[in-house]
């Protein structure tokens, strides 16, 4: 039964994400919002890894910076740019259709 609770919580957070971000865009600039979202995600991941005693491999920081810039940050940046001009439902549909 706990797997269903986890799936429900994940779906709830995923669905509320678009609504919360659309509301926050009225108060916070989208560039700061994208940076804040990435920073909070990194902090949560860091603390999770510390609690679970997960060790990371030694990797080059240049690769991490390139992956985070092109794979994550630009995605959020363009998503928030687009959210300023379309409805939240349209944004959710576009994200659901992306590969």
Protein backbone atom coordinates (compact mmCIF):
# COMPACT_ATOMS: atom_id res chain seq x y z
CA UNK A 1 0.00 0.00 0.00
CA UNK A 2 2.88 2.40 0.63
CA UNK A 3 3.88 2.39 -3.05
CA UNK A 4 0.51 3.90 -3.91
CA UNK A 5 0.98 6.61 -1.33
CA UNK A 6 4.39 7.43 -2.79
CA UNK A 7 2.94 7.54 -6.30
CA UNK A 8 0.12 9.79 -5.13
CA UNK A 9 2.54 12.19 -3.41
CA UNK A 10 4.80 12.29 -6.49
CA UNK A 11 1.81 13.01 -8.75
CA UNK A 12 0.56 15.67 -6.36
CA UNK A 13 3.89 17.50 -6.30
CA UNK A 14 4.28 17.15 -10.07
CA UNK A 15 0.80 18.53 -10.72
CA UNK A 16 1.04 21.37 -8.20
CA UNK A 17 4.39 22.42 -9.63
CA UNK A 18 2.89 24.22 -12.63
CA UNK A 19 0.27 25.99 -10.51
CA UNK A 20 2.76 27.17 -7.89
CA UNK A 21 5.29 28.33 -10.48
CA UNK A 22 2.63 30.27 -12.39
CA UNK A 23 1.59 32.06 -9.18
CA UNK A 24 5.19 32.76 -8.19
CA UNK A 25 5.97 34.23 -11.62
CA UNK A 26 3.66 37.14 -10.74
CA UNK A 27 5.84 37.99 -7.74
CA UNK A 28 9.37 36.80 -8.55
CA UNK A 29 11.45 37.32 -11.73
CA UNK A 30 11.69 34.12 -13.77
CA UNK A 31 15.51 34.08 -13.82
CA UNK A 32 15.65 34.15 -10.01
CA UNK A 33 12.89 31.54 -9.81
CA UNK A 34 14.80 29.17 -12.11
CA UNK A 35 17.97 29.65 -10.04
CA UNK A 36 16.10 29.12 -6.78
CA UNK A 37 14.50 25.93 -8.04
CA UNK A 38 17.84 24.44 -9.09
CA UNK A 39 19.51 25.50 -5.85
CA UNK A 40 16.79 23.99 -3.65
CA UNK A 41 16.89 20.75 -5.66
CA UNK A 42 20.66 20.51 -5.22
CA UNK A 43 20.41 21.14 -1.49
CA UNK A 44 17.72 18.49 -1.06
CA UNK A 45 19.78 15.99 -3.06
CA UNK A 46 22.90 16.80 -1.04
CA UNK A 47 21.16 16.24 2.31
CA UNK A 48 19.51 13.05 1.04
CA UNK A 49 22.90 11.69 0.00
CA UNK A 50 24.37 12.59 3.40
CA UNK A 51 21.54 10.91 5.33
CA UNK A 52 21.62 7.74 3.19
CA UNK A 53 25.46 7.71 3.13
CA UNK A 54 25.60 7.71 -0.66
CA UNK A 55 29.06 8.54 -1.96
CA UNK A 56 29.56 10.16 -5.33
CA UNK A 57 32.24 9.37 -7.85
CA UNK A 58 35.08 11.75 -8.53
CA UNK A 59 34.07 13.69 -11.68
CA UNK A 60 35.31 16.80 -13.39
CA UNK A 61 33.52 19.95 -12.35
CA UNK A 62 33.49 21.23 -15.95
CA UNK A 63 31.30 18.30 -17.01
CA UNK A 64 28.92 18.91 -14.13
CA UNK A 65 28.65 22.60 -14.97
CA UNK A 66 27.95 21.92 -18.64
CA UNK A 67 25.33 19.26 -17.88
CA UNK A 68 23.63 21.43 -15.28
CA UNK A 69 23.64 24.49 -17.53
CA UNK A 70 22.39 22.86 -20.72
CA UNK A 71 20.35 20.01 -19.29
CA UNK A 72 18.64 21.58 -16.32
CA UNK A 73 18.98 25.34 -16.04
CA UNK A 74 18.09 26.22 -19.63
CA UNK A 75 15.07 23.91 -19.43
CA UNK A 76 13.75 25.80 -16.39
CA UNK A 77 14.70 29.16 -17.91
CA UNK A 78 12.74 28.57 -21.12
CA UNK A 79 9.86 26.98 -19.22
CA UNK A 80 9.47 30.07 -17.06
CA UNK A 81 9.83 32.36 -20.08
CA UNK A 82 7.04 30.43 -21.77
CA UNK A 83 4.85 30.39 -18.66
CA UNK A 84 4.68 34.17 -18.79
CA UNK A 85 2.84 34.05 -22.11
CA UNK A 86 0.72 30.87 -21.94
CA UNK A 87 -1.74 29.39 -19.48
CA UNK A 88 -0.54 26.84 -16.93
CA UNK A 89 -2.60 24.09 -18.54
CA UNK A 90 -0.88 24.69 -21.89
CA UNK A 91 2.51 24.55 -20.22
CA UNK A 92 1.65 21.24 -18.53
CA UNK A 93 0.50 19.81 -21.86
CA UNK A 94 3.69 20.93 -23.63
CA UNK A 95 5.85 19.40 -20.87
CA UNK A 96 3.87 16.15 -21.02
CA UNK A 97 4.39 15.90 -24.79
CA UNK A 98 8.14 16.52 -24.66
CA UNK A 99 10.35 13.45 -25.08
